[in-house]
Amino acid sequence: MKNIYIKTEHGHMIIYADQFFPCSQKQFKKLLSIIKEFSYLNNVQEISEQLTEAITKELEYLEWRYKTKKSQKEISALKKFLEMLESLEV
């Protein structure tokens, strides 16, 4: 998966999507707040598209690979993250 680069006031951060997902809703909300906070330094639409792509790939993998209750919770969480990303787009 592609790494996601986010500029911040004092530097930058790189999200290694293949290691970040699946994550908790708390972690994802924190990521969204960072993106919003530094939106003046970043192309939010591009970051949103990269996150959508990463989440979709993880979702496809989980749906293909697992059919357990645990993975169903992760799948639901990833779908929720996609909904949250829609509100981020400008």
Protein backbone atom coordinates (compact mmCIF):
# COMPACT_ATOMS: atom_id res chain seq x y z
CA MET A 1 0.00 0.00 0.00
CA LYS A 2 0.99 3.56 -0.58
CA ASN A 3 2.39 5.63 2.28
CA ILE A 4 0.40 8.75 3.15
CA TYR A 5 2.41 11.93 3.69
CA ILE A 6 0.94 14.68 5.89
CA LYS A 7 2.68 18.01 6.42
CA THR A 8 2.46 19.54 9.88
CA GLU A 9 3.48 22.90 11.26
CA HIS A 10 6.87 21.63 12.46
CA GLY A 11 7.57 18.86 9.98
CA HIS A 12 5.58 15.96 8.61
CA MET A 13 4.24 12.53 9.39
CA ILE A 14 4.04 9.44 7.25
CA ILE A 15 1.19 6.99 7.67
CA TYR A 16 2.25 3.49 6.65
CA ALA A 17 -1.22 2.40 5.59
CA ASP A 18 -0.48 -1.32 5.54
CA GLN A 19 0.59 -1.11 9.18
CA PHE A 20 -1.97 1.48 10.34
CA PHE A 21 -5.08 -0.43 9.21
CA PRO A 22 -7.04 -1.92 10.77
CA CYS A 23 -6.97 0.59 13.61
CA SER A 24 -9.32 1.66 16.37
CA GLN A 25 -11.94 4.32 15.83
CA LYS A 26 -10.10 6.50 18.36
CA GLN A 27 -6.88 6.28 16.32
CA PHE A 28 -8.72 7.06 13.09
CA LYS A 29 -10.49 10.06 14.62
CA LYS A 30 -7.11 11.35 15.82
CA LEU A 31 -5.73 11.00 12.30
CA LEU A 32 -8.73 12.91 10.89
CA SER A 33 -8.26 15.68 13.44
CA ILE A 34 -4.60 16.03 12.43
CA ILE A 35 -5.59 16.19 8.77
CA LYS A 36 -8.20 18.87 9.52
CA GLU A 37 -5.85 20.84 11.77
CA PHE A 38 -3.18 21.06 9.08
CA SER A 39 -5.51 21.22 6.07
CA TYR A 40 -3.97 24.55 5.07
CA LEU A 41 -0.65 22.74 4.46
CA ASN A 42 -2.02 19.68 2.66
CA ASN A 43 -4.17 18.61 -0.25
CA VAL A 44 -6.98 17.16 1.87
CA GLN A 45 -8.77 15.66 -1.10
CA GLU A 46 -5.63 13.76 -2.15
CA ILE A 47 -5.07 12.47 1.40
CA SER A 48 -8.73 11.47 1.61
CA GLU A 49 -8.44 9.57 -1.68
CA GLN A 50 -5.30 7.79 -0.46
CA LEU A 51 -7.01 6.83 2.81
CA THR A 52 -10.10 5.65 0.94
CA GLU A 53 -7.93 3.49 -1.29
CA ALA A 54 -6.05 2.02 1.68
CA ILE A 55 -9.26 1.30 3.62
CA THR A 56 -10.93 -0.23 0.58
CA LYS A 57 -7.96 -2.54 -0.03
CA GLU A 58 -7.93 -3.61 3.62
CA LEU A 59 -11.68 -4.15 3.49
CA GLU A 60 -11.44 -6.27 0.35
CA TYR A 61 -8.69 -8.33 1.92
CA LEU A 62 -10.63 -8.95 5.14
CA GLU A 63 -13.80 -9.86 3.24
CA TRP A 64 -11.86 -12.27 1.06
CA ARG A 65 -9.66 -13.80 3.76
CA TYR A 66 -11.82 -14.04 6.85
CA LYS A 67 -15.35 -14.97 7.70
CA THR A 68 -15.09 -14.79 11.50
CA LYS A 69 -16.92 -12.56 14.00
CA LYS A 70 -13.70 -10.71 14.77
CA SER A 71 -13.12 -9.81 11.15
CA GLN A 72 -16.76 -8.73 10.81
CA LYS A 73 -16.11 -6.13 13.53
CA GLU A 74 -13.02 -4.92 11.68
CA ILE A 75 -14.97 -4.79 8.42
CA SER A 76 -17.72 -2.75 10.09
CA ALA A 77 -15.13 -0.38 11.54
CA LEU A 78 -13.48 0.12 8.15
CA LYS A 79 -16.84 0.87 6.55
CA LYS A 80 -17.47 3.44 9.29
CA PHE A 81 -14.07 5.01 8.53
CA LEU A 82 -15.08 5.38 4.86
CA GLU A 83 -18.22 7.22 5.98
CA MET A 84 -16.14 9.47 8.21
CA LEU A 85 -13.81 10.26 5.28
CA GLU A 86 -16.77 11.42 3.19
CA SER A 87 -17.40 14.19 5.72
CA LEU A 88 -13.75 15.26 5.44
CA GLU A 89 -13.81 15.85 1.70
CA VAL A 90 -14.14 19.42 0.61
